[in-house]
Amino acid sequence: MSFTVDGLDGDDVAAMLCNRANIMCRSGVHCAEPLARLRGVKSFVRASVYLYHTEAEVDAFADTLREVVRYL
């Protein structure tokens, strides 16, 4: 899932997720330069889940993202 947080740079959000909880996300435009320009977005954050991720890990991502948004 790719997303943005209003008022925050995607690179900063991804770095904070990594630094706070070792959650690895990618940031950038992810081969969607026209969409990024259209939306005025410098970088998106992309988080991926797969079969081996647990519900607790997904919850930890959501909780940490909330903390990052409050912090930044």
N, C-alpha and C. Protein backbone atom coordinates (compact mmCIF):
# COMPACT_ATOMS: atom_id res chain seq x y z
N MET A 1 0.84 -1.15 0.00
CA MET A 1 0.00 0.00 0.00
C MET A 1 0.89 1.22 0.00
N SER A 2 0.62 2.14 -0.88
CA SER A 2 1.34 3.41 -0.93
C SER A 2 0.44 4.49 -0.33
N PHE A 3 1.04 5.38 0.43
CA PHE A 3 0.24 6.41 1.08
C PHE A 3 1.09 7.65 1.33
N THR A 4 0.40 8.73 1.65
CA THR A 4 1.04 9.97 2.09
C THR A 4 0.38 10.38 3.40
N VAL A 5 1.07 11.22 4.12
CA VAL A 5 0.52 11.81 5.34
C VAL A 5 0.53 13.32 5.10
N ASP A 6 -0.64 13.94 5.17
CA ASP A 6 -0.74 15.37 4.90
C ASP A 6 0.29 16.16 5.70
N GLY A 7 1.03 16.99 4.99
CA GLY A 7 1.99 17.87 5.63
C GLY A 7 3.33 17.24 5.98
N LEU A 8 3.50 15.94 5.71
CA LEU A 8 4.75 15.26 6.05
C LEU A 8 5.39 14.68 4.80
N ASP A 9 6.70 14.72 4.76
CA ASP A 9 7.45 14.15 3.66
C ASP A 9 7.51 12.63 3.81
N GLY A 10 7.27 11.91 2.74
CA GLY A 10 7.29 10.45 2.78
C GLY A 10 8.62 9.88 3.23
N ASP A 11 9.72 10.54 2.85
CA ASP A 11 11.04 10.08 3.28
C ASP A 11 11.17 10.15 4.80
N ASP A 12 10.65 11.23 5.39
CA ASP A 12 10.71 11.39 6.84
C ASP A 12 9.86 10.35 7.55
N VAL A 13 8.66 10.10 7.03
CA VAL A 13 7.77 9.11 7.64
C VAL A 13 8.42 7.73 7.60
N ALA A 14 8.97 7.34 6.46
CA ALA A 14 9.61 6.03 6.34
C ALA A 14 10.80 5.90 7.28
N ALA A 15 11.60 6.96 7.40
CA ALA A 15 12.76 6.94 8.30
C ALA A 15 12.32 6.80 9.75
N MET A 16 11.28 7.50 10.12
CA MET A 16 10.80 7.41 11.51
C MET A 16 10.24 6.02 11.82
N LEU A 17 9.54 5.42 10.89
CA LEU A 17 9.04 4.06 11.11
C LEU A 17 10.20 3.10 11.34
N CYS A 18 11.25 3.28 10.57
CA CYS A 18 12.43 2.44 10.71
C CYS A 18 13.13 2.69 12.04
N ASN A 19 13.35 3.95 12.37
CA ASN A 19 14.09 4.30 13.58
C ASN A 19 13.34 3.96 14.86
N ARG A 20 12.02 4.11 14.85
CA ARG A 20 11.24 3.88 16.06
C ARG A 20 10.94 2.42 16.31
N ALA A 21 10.69 1.66 15.23
CA ALA A 21 10.20 0.28 15.44
C ALA A 21 10.80 -0.73 14.47
N ASN A 22 11.87 -0.35 13.77
CA ASN A 22 12.50 -1.25 12.81
C ASN A 22 11.50 -1.74 11.75
N ILE A 23 10.57 -0.87 11.39
CA ILE A 23 9.59 -1.18 10.34
C ILE A 23 10.15 -0.64 9.04
N MET A 24 10.38 -1.53 8.10
CA MET A 24 10.99 -1.15 6.83
C MET A 24 9.90 -0.82 5.81
N CYS A 25 9.95 0.40 5.32
CA CYS A 25 9.06 0.87 4.27
C CYS A 25 9.92 1.52 3.20
N ARG A 26 9.41 1.61 2.02
CA ARG A 26 10.11 2.33 0.96
C ARG A 26 9.48 3.69 0.82
N SER A 27 10.29 4.64 0.42
CA SER A 27 9.75 5.97 0.13
C SER A 27 10.26 6.39 -1.25
N GLY A 28 9.50 7.22 -1.90
CA GLY A 28 9.84 7.69 -3.23
C GLY A 28 8.59 7.80 -4.07
N VAL A 29 8.77 7.86 -5.38
CA VAL A 29 7.60 7.96 -6.26
C VAL A 29 7.23 6.62 -6.89
N HIS A 30 8.06 5.61 -6.71
CA HIS A 30 7.74 4.23 -7.09
C HIS A 30 7.22 4.10 -8.52
N CYS A 31 7.94 4.66 -9.45
CA CYS A 31 7.58 4.60 -10.87
C CYS A 31 6.23 5.24 -11.17
N ALA A 32 5.83 6.20 -10.34
CA ALA A 32 4.56 6.88 -10.54
C ALA A 32 4.79 8.39 -10.58
N GLU A 33 5.81 8.80 -11.32
CA GLU A 33 6.15 10.22 -11.38
C GLU A 33 5.00 11.10 -11.85
N PRO A 34 4.24 10.70 -12.88
CA PRO A 34 3.13 11.57 -13.31
C PRO A 34 2.09 11.76 -12.20
N LEU A 35 1.77 10.70 -11.47
CA LEU A 35 0.81 10.81 -10.38
C LEU A 35 1.36 11.70 -9.27
N ALA A 36 2.63 11.52 -8.93
CA ALA A 36 3.25 12.33 -7.88
C ALA A 36 3.21 13.81 -8.25
N ARG A 37 3.56 14.13 -9.50
CA ARG A 37 3.51 15.53 -9.95
C ARG A 37 2.09 16.07 -9.90
N LEU A 38 1.14 15.27 -10.37
CA LEU A 38 -0.26 15.68 -10.38
C LEU A 38 -0.76 16.00 -8.97
N ARG A 39 -0.33 15.19 -8.01
CA ARG A 39 -0.77 15.36 -6.62
C ARG A 39 0.13 16.30 -5.81
N GLY A 40 1.24 16.73 -6.42
CA GLY A 40 2.17 17.59 -5.71
C GLY A 40 2.90 16.89 -4.58
N VAL A 41 3.17 15.60 -4.78
CA VAL A 41 3.80 14.78 -3.76
C VAL A 41 5.27 14.58 -4.10
N LYS A 42 6.15 14.85 -3.13
CA LYS A 42 7.58 14.62 -3.33
C LYS A 42 7.91 13.14 -3.21
N SER A 43 7.29 12.46 -2.23
CA SER A 43 7.52 11.03 -2.07
C SER A 43 6.36 10.37 -1.33
N PHE A 44 6.03 9.17 -1.76
CA PHE A 44 5.04 8.33 -1.10
C PHE A 44 5.77 7.42 -0.12
N VAL A 45 5.02 6.83 0.79
CA VAL A 45 5.53 5.75 1.63
C VAL A 45 4.83 4.48 1.16
N ARG A 46 5.59 3.40 1.02
CA ARG A 46 4.99 2.13 0.61
C ARG A 46 5.30 1.07 1.64
N ALA A 47 4.25 0.50 2.20
CA ALA A 47 4.37 -0.60 3.15
C ALA A 47 3.77 -1.84 2.50
N SER A 48 4.41 -2.96 2.70
CA SER A 48 3.93 -4.20 2.10
C SER A 48 3.73 -5.25 3.18
N VAL A 49 2.70 -6.04 3.02
CA VAL A 49 2.47 -7.18 3.89
C VAL A 49 2.37 -8.43 3.03
N TYR A 50 2.67 -9.54 3.66
CA TYR A 50 2.60 -10.82 2.94
C TYR A 50 2.11 -11.88 3.90
N LEU A 51 1.99 -13.09 3.42
CA LEU A 51 1.46 -14.19 4.21
C LEU A 51 2.20 -14.41 5.53
N TYR A 52 3.48 -14.12 5.55
CA TYR A 52 4.26 -14.38 6.76
C TYR A 52 4.15 -13.27 7.80
N HIS A 53 3.49 -12.16 7.50
CA HIS A 53 3.28 -11.12 8.49
C HIS A 53 2.11 -11.51 9.40
N THR A 54 2.28 -11.22 10.67
CA THR A 54 1.23 -11.54 11.63
C THR A 54 0.31 -10.34 11.82
N GLU A 55 -0.84 -10.60 12.39
CA GLU A 55 -1.77 -9.52 12.70
C GLU A 55 -1.13 -8.56 13.70
N ALA A 56 -0.36 -9.09 14.62
CA ALA A 56 0.32 -8.24 15.61
C ALA A 56 1.31 -7.30 14.93
N GLU A 57 1.99 -7.76 13.88
CA GLU A 57 2.94 -6.90 13.16
C GLU A 57 2.21 -5.80 12.41
N VAL A 58 1.08 -6.11 11.84
CA VAL A 58 0.29 -5.09 11.14
C VAL A 58 -0.23 -4.07 12.16
N ASP A 59 -0.68 -4.54 13.31
CA ASP A 59 -1.12 -3.62 14.37
C ASP A 59 0.03 -2.74 14.85
N ALA A 60 1.22 -3.32 14.98
CA ALA A 60 2.39 -2.54 15.41
C ALA A 60 2.71 -1.45 14.38
N PHE A 61 2.58 -1.77 13.09
CA PHE A 61 2.78 -0.77 12.05
C PHE A 61 1.79 0.38 12.22
N ALA A 62 0.51 0.05 12.39
CA ALA A 62 -0.52 1.09 12.53
C ALA A 62 -0.27 1.94 13.77
N ASP A 63 0.06 1.30 14.88
CA ASP A 63 0.33 2.05 16.12
C ASP A 63 1.54 2.96 15.96
N THR A 64 2.60 2.45 15.35
CA THR A 64 3.81 3.26 15.17
C THR A 64 3.56 4.40 14.20
N LEU A 65 2.80 4.16 13.15
CA LEU A 65 2.47 5.23 12.22
C LEU A 65 1.70 6.34 12.93
N ARG A 66 0.77 5.98 13.80
CA ARG A 66 0.05 6.99 14.58
C ARG A 66 1.03 7.82 15.44
N GLU A 67 1.98 7.14 16.08
CA GLU A 67 2.97 7.84 16.90
C GLU A 67 3.82 8.80 16.05
N VAL A 68 4.23 8.34 14.88
CA VAL A 68 5.05 9.16 13.99
C VAL A 68 4.28 10.40 13.56
N VAL A 69 3.02 10.23 13.20
CA VAL A 69 2.21 11.38 12.75
C VAL A 69 2.07 12.39 13.90
N ARG A 70 1.87 11.91 15.11
CA ARG A 70 1.76 12.82 16.26
C ARG A 70 3.08 13.52 16.51
N TYR A 71 4.20 12.79 16.36
CA TYR A 71 5.52 13.34 16.65
C TYR A 71 5.93 14.40 15.63
N LEU A 72 5.73 14.09 14.35
CA LEU A 72 6.15 15.01 13.31
C LEU A 72 5.12 16.10 13.14
